[in-house]
């Protein structure tokens, strides 16, 4: 059997401050540009551990993205 080489894991830099707390705005379904920052190219909502958003705004972001998808402002599936 061949021995596999172990590669070091890549470190992902996560912002320390919440985007919405810093800008003093709330995530809204009608504001598409801030919502697209937190949706991957596949159309998935990124995790809190990767985007640096606080828990309160992550919950509101999730519902805003789902609302925007339902109104056809954001796609359900990525490109």
Protein backbone atom coordinates (compact mmCIF):
# COMPACT_ATOMS: atom_id res chain seq x y z
CA UNK A 1 0.00 0.00 0.00
CA UNK A 2 1.17 3.47 -0.82
CA UNK A 3 1.48 5.98 1.97
CA UNK A 4 -0.44 9.20 1.43
CA UNK A 5 1.25 12.50 2.05
CA UNK A 6 -0.51 14.79 4.47
CA UNK A 7 -0.89 18.34 3.28
CA UNK A 8 -1.41 21.16 5.75
CA UNK A 9 -4.92 22.58 5.87
CA UNK A 10 -5.44 26.01 4.40
CA UNK A 11 -6.29 28.67 6.89
CA UNK A 12 -9.30 30.75 5.99
CA UNK A 13 -9.16 34.33 7.14
CA UNK A 14 -12.41 35.30 8.80
CA UNK A 15 -13.32 38.92 9.49
CA UNK A 16 -13.48 39.62 13.23
CA UNK A 17 -16.35 42.10 13.05
CA UNK A 18 -19.84 41.61 11.71
CA UNK A 19 -20.44 43.35 8.37
CA UNK A 20 -23.95 44.46 9.34
CA UNK A 21 -22.93 45.71 12.82
CA UNK A 22 -20.05 47.67 11.29
CA UNK A 23 -22.24 49.27 8.59
CA UNK A 24 -25.14 49.70 11.07
CA UNK A 25 -27.69 48.21 8.66
CA UNK A 26 -29.99 45.20 8.82
CA UNK A 27 -30.09 42.51 6.12
CA UNK A 28 -33.11 43.18 3.89
CA UNK A 29 -34.46 40.99 1.12
CA UNK A 30 -34.68 44.00 -1.22
CA UNK A 31 -30.95 44.88 -0.94
CA UNK A 32 -29.44 42.28 -3.24
CA UNK A 33 -25.78 43.39 -3.24
CA UNK A 34 -25.08 42.78 0.48
CA UNK A 35 -26.95 39.47 0.34
CA UNK A 36 -24.87 38.24 -2.61
CA UNK A 37 -21.67 38.68 -0.56
CA UNK A 38 -22.82 35.90 1.75
CA UNK A 39 -24.11 33.47 -0.89
CA UNK A 40 -21.62 31.14 -2.61
CA UNK A 41 -21.33 30.65 -6.36
CA UNK A 42 -23.40 27.47 -5.98
CA UNK A 43 -26.19 29.44 -4.33
CA UNK A 44 -25.55 28.25 -0.77
CA UNK A 45 -25.63 30.59 2.22
CA UNK A 46 -22.14 30.64 3.75
CA UNK A 47 -21.66 29.54 7.34
CA UNK A 48 -21.15 31.91 10.22
CA UNK A 49 -17.68 30.49 10.83
CA UNK A 50 -16.61 31.57 7.33
CA UNK A 51 -18.23 34.96 6.91
CA UNK A 52 -17.75 36.49 10.38
CA UNK A 53 -21.33 37.61 10.94
CA UNK A 54 -22.79 37.65 14.45
CA UNK A 55 -25.54 35.16 15.34
CA UNK A 56 -28.35 37.73 15.27
CA UNK A 57 -27.51 38.95 11.79
CA UNK A 58 -26.85 35.41 10.49
CA UNK A 59 -30.42 34.44 11.39
CA UNK A 60 -31.82 37.55 9.73
CA UNK A 61 -29.57 37.07 6.69
CA UNK A 62 -30.86 33.52 6.25
CA UNK A 63 -34.50 34.58 6.28
CA UNK A 64 -33.75 37.55 3.98
CA UNK A 65 -32.01 35.34 1.42
CA UNK A 66 -34.88 32.85 1.50
CA UNK A 67 -37.40 35.67 1.07
CA UNK A 68 -35.42 37.13 -1.84
CA UNK A 69 -35.26 33.69 -3.49
CA UNK A 70 -39.01 33.29 -3.15
CA UNK A 71 -39.57 36.66 -4.84
CA UNK A 72 -37.11 35.70 -7.62
CA UNK A 73 -34.59 38.41 -6.66
CA UNK A 74 -31.90 35.77 -6.00
CA UNK A 75 -31.52 32.41 -7.74
CA UNK A 76 -32.11 29.18 -5.83
CA UNK A 77 -29.20 27.52 -7.66
CA UNK A 78 -25.91 29.12 -8.69
CA UNK A 79 -24.60 29.56 -12.21
